[in-house]
C-alpha atoms as a PDB file:
ATOM      1  CA  MET A   1      -2.800  -2.353 -15.126  1.00  0.00           C
ATOM      2  CA  SER A   2      -0.416  -5.301 -15.139  1.00  0.00           C
ATOM      3  CA  ARG A   3       1.949  -6.179 -12.294  1.00  0.00           C
ATOM      4  CA  ALA A   4       4.916  -4.984 -14.388  1.00  0.00           C
ATOM      5  CA  ASP A   5       3.169  -1.664 -15.136  1.00  0.00           C
ATOM      6  CA  ALA A   6       2.358  -1.219 -11.441  1.00  0.00           C
ATOM      7  CA  ASP A   7       5.979  -1.987 -10.501  1.00  0.00           C
ATOM      8  CA  ALA A   8       7.325   0.596 -12.935  1.00  0.00           C
ATOM      9  CA  PHE A   9       4.780   3.218 -11.837  1.00  0.00           C
ATOM     10  CA  LEU A  10       5.349   2.725  -8.103  1.00  0.00           C
ATOM     11  CA  ARG A  11       9.141   2.772  -8.476  1.00  0.00           C
ATOM     12  CA  SER A  12       8.852   6.001 -10.490  1.00  0.00           C
ATOM     13  CA  LEU A  13       7.241   7.500  -7.352  1.00  0.00           C
ATOM     14  CA  SER A  14      10.345   6.617  -5.270  1.00  0.00           C
ATOM     15  CA  ALA A  15       8.922   3.413  -3.778  1.00  0.00           C
ATOM     16  CA  THR A  16      11.270   0.660  -2.711  1.00  0.00           C
ATOM     17  CA  LEU A  17      10.212  -2.947  -3.228  1.00  0.00           C
ATOM     18  CA  LYS A  18      10.369  -5.723  -0.665  1.00  0.00           C
ATOM     19  CA  THR A  19       8.956  -9.167  -1.457  1.00  0.00           C
ATOM     20  CA  THR A  20       7.727 -11.165   1.516  1.00  0.00           C
ATOM     21  CA  ALA A  21       8.338 -14.874   2.069  1.00  0.00           C
ATOM     22  CA  GLY A  22       4.682 -15.425   1.128  1.00  0.00           C
ATOM     23  CA  GLY A  23       5.162 -13.713  -2.241  1.00  0.00           C
ATOM     24  CA  TYR A  24       3.463 -10.388  -1.486  1.00  0.00           C
ATOM     25  CA  ALA A  25       5.066  -7.274  -2.948  1.00  0.00           C
ATOM     26  CA  GLU A  26       5.386  -4.372  -0.505  1.00  0.00           C
ATOM     27  CA  TYR A  27       6.244  -0.952  -1.930  1.00  0.00           C
ATOM     28  CA  LYS A  28       7.303   1.578   0.725  1.00  0.00           C
ATOM     29  CA  PHE A  29       7.481   5.303   0.083  1.00  0.00           C
ATOM     30  CA  PRO A  30       9.685   7.948   1.725  1.00  0.00           C
ATOM     31  CA  ASP A  31       6.730   9.157   3.866  1.00  0.00           C
ATOM     32  CA  LYS A  32       6.338   5.546   5.133  1.00  0.00           C
ATOM     33  CA  SER A  33       3.039   4.955   3.351  1.00  0.00           C
ATOM     34  CA  ALA A  34       2.884   1.616   1.533  1.00  0.00           C
ATOM     35  CA  VAL A  35       1.218  -0.310  -1.254  1.00  0.00           C
ATOM     36  CA  TRP A  36       0.889  -4.078  -0.945  1.00  0.00           C
ATOM     37  CA  ILE A  37       0.160  -6.292  -3.941  1.00  0.00           C
ATOM     38  CA  ARG A  38      -1.103  -9.740  -3.066  1.00  0.00           C
ATOM     39  CA  LEU A  39      -0.541 -12.861  -5.157  1.00  0.00           C
ATOM     40  CA  ASP A  40      -4.042 -12.612  -6.658  1.00  0.00           C
ATOM     41  CA  GLY A  41      -3.381  -8.995  -7.731  1.00  0.00           C
ATOM     42  CA  GLU A  42      -5.384  -7.336  -4.930  1.00  0.00           C
ATOM     43  CA  VAL A  43      -3.937  -3.930  -4.061  1.00  0.00           C
ATOM     44  CA  VAL A  44      -3.896  -2.685  -0.460  1.00  0.00           C
ATOM     45  CA  ARG A  45      -2.801   0.883   0.239  1.00  0.00           C
ATOM     46  CA  THR A  46      -1.855   2.076   3.724  1.00  0.00           C
ATOM     47  CA  PRO A  47      -1.347   5.721   4.728  1.00  0.00           C
ATOM     48  CA  ALA A  48       1.744   7.328   6.149  1.00  0.00           C
ATOM     49  CA  PRO A  49       1.745   6.982   9.939  1.00  0.00           C
ATOM     50  CA  THR A  50       0.419   9.817  12.075  1.00  0.00           C
ATOM     51  CA  TYR A  51       1.134  10.188  15.784  1.00  0.00           C
ATOM     52  CA  ARG A  52      -0.454  11.673  18.906  1.00  0.00           C
ATOM     53  CA  PRO A  53       1.532  14.078  21.095  1.00  0.00           C
ATOM     54  CA  ASP A  54       2.436  11.147  23.392  1.00  0.00           C
ATOM     55  CA  GLY A  55       4.045   9.345  20.424  1.00  0.00           C
ATOM     56  CA  SER A  56       1.408   6.652  19.946  1.00  0.00           C
ATOM     57  CA  ARG A  57       0.297   5.973  16.404  1.00  0.00           C
ATOM     58  CA  THR A  58      -3.227   7.128  15.490  1.00  0.00           C
ATOM     59  CA  ASN A  59      -3.816   5.257  12.209  1.00  0.00           C
ATOM     60  CA  LYS A  60      -2.263   1.822  12.721  1.00  0.00           C
ATOM     61  CA  GLY A  61      -4.022  -0.712  10.526  1.00  0.00           C
ATOM     62  CA  GLY A  62      -5.711   1.971   8.431  1.00  0.00           C
ATOM     63  CA  ARG A  63      -6.265   1.587   4.706  1.00  0.00           C
ATOM     64  CA  LEU A  64      -6.933   3.941   1.829  1.00  0.00           C
ATOM     65  CA  ASP A  65      -9.757   3.656  -0.691  1.00  0.00           C
ATOM     66  CA  PRO A  66      -9.212   3.995  -4.483  1.00  0.00           C
ATOM     67  CA  ASN A  67      -9.409   7.801  -4.112  1.00  0.00           C
ATOM     68  CA  GLY A  68      -6.784   7.945  -1.353  1.00  0.00           C
ATOM     69  CA  ASN A  69      -9.259   8.565   1.470  1.00  0.00           C
ATOM     70  CA  PRO A  70      -9.136   6.647   4.762  1.00  0.00           C
ATOM     71  CA  THR A  71     -11.559   3.722   4.873  1.00  0.00           C
ATOM     72  CA  THR A  72     -12.628   1.057   7.314  1.00  0.00           C
ATOM     73  CA  GLU A  73     -13.239  -1.458   4.502  1.00  0.00           C
ATOM     74  CA  HIS A  74     -10.918  -4.454   4.459  1.00  0.00           C
ATOM     75  CA  ASN A  75     -11.111  -4.915   0.690  1.00  0.00           C
ATOM     76  CA  THR A  76     -11.150  -1.721  -1.362  1.00  0.00           C
ATOM     77  CA  GLY A  77     -11.829  -3.454  -4.678  1.00  0.00           C
ATOM     78  CA  GLU A  78      -8.548  -2.447  -6.314  1.00  0.00           C
ATOM     79  CA  LYS A  79      -7.008  -5.268  -8.318  1.00  0.00           C
ATOM     80  CA  LEU A  80      -4.325  -5.640 -10.973  1.00  0.00           C
ATOM     81  CA  ASN A  81      -4.903  -7.458 -14.247  1.00  0.00           C
ATOM     82  CA  ILE A  82      -2.718 -10.508 -13.747  1.00  0.00           C
END
């Protein structure tokens, strides 16, 4: 998938785009999950936040694997064709 294809697909899912000063593309969804696309095309997906009864976040820094499951891996191997 190209960067343009990914942009069109993510926006079709109601994501809003923010580009960082470093050139990363961050797509945020209404449930507050996010997809980051790095300059080299690496894709990083983060889940919607979940909270404990005391209000503290339980999954801060978590990532999702290519199947949408939580993972502890830093690099999930997802990459765009750039």
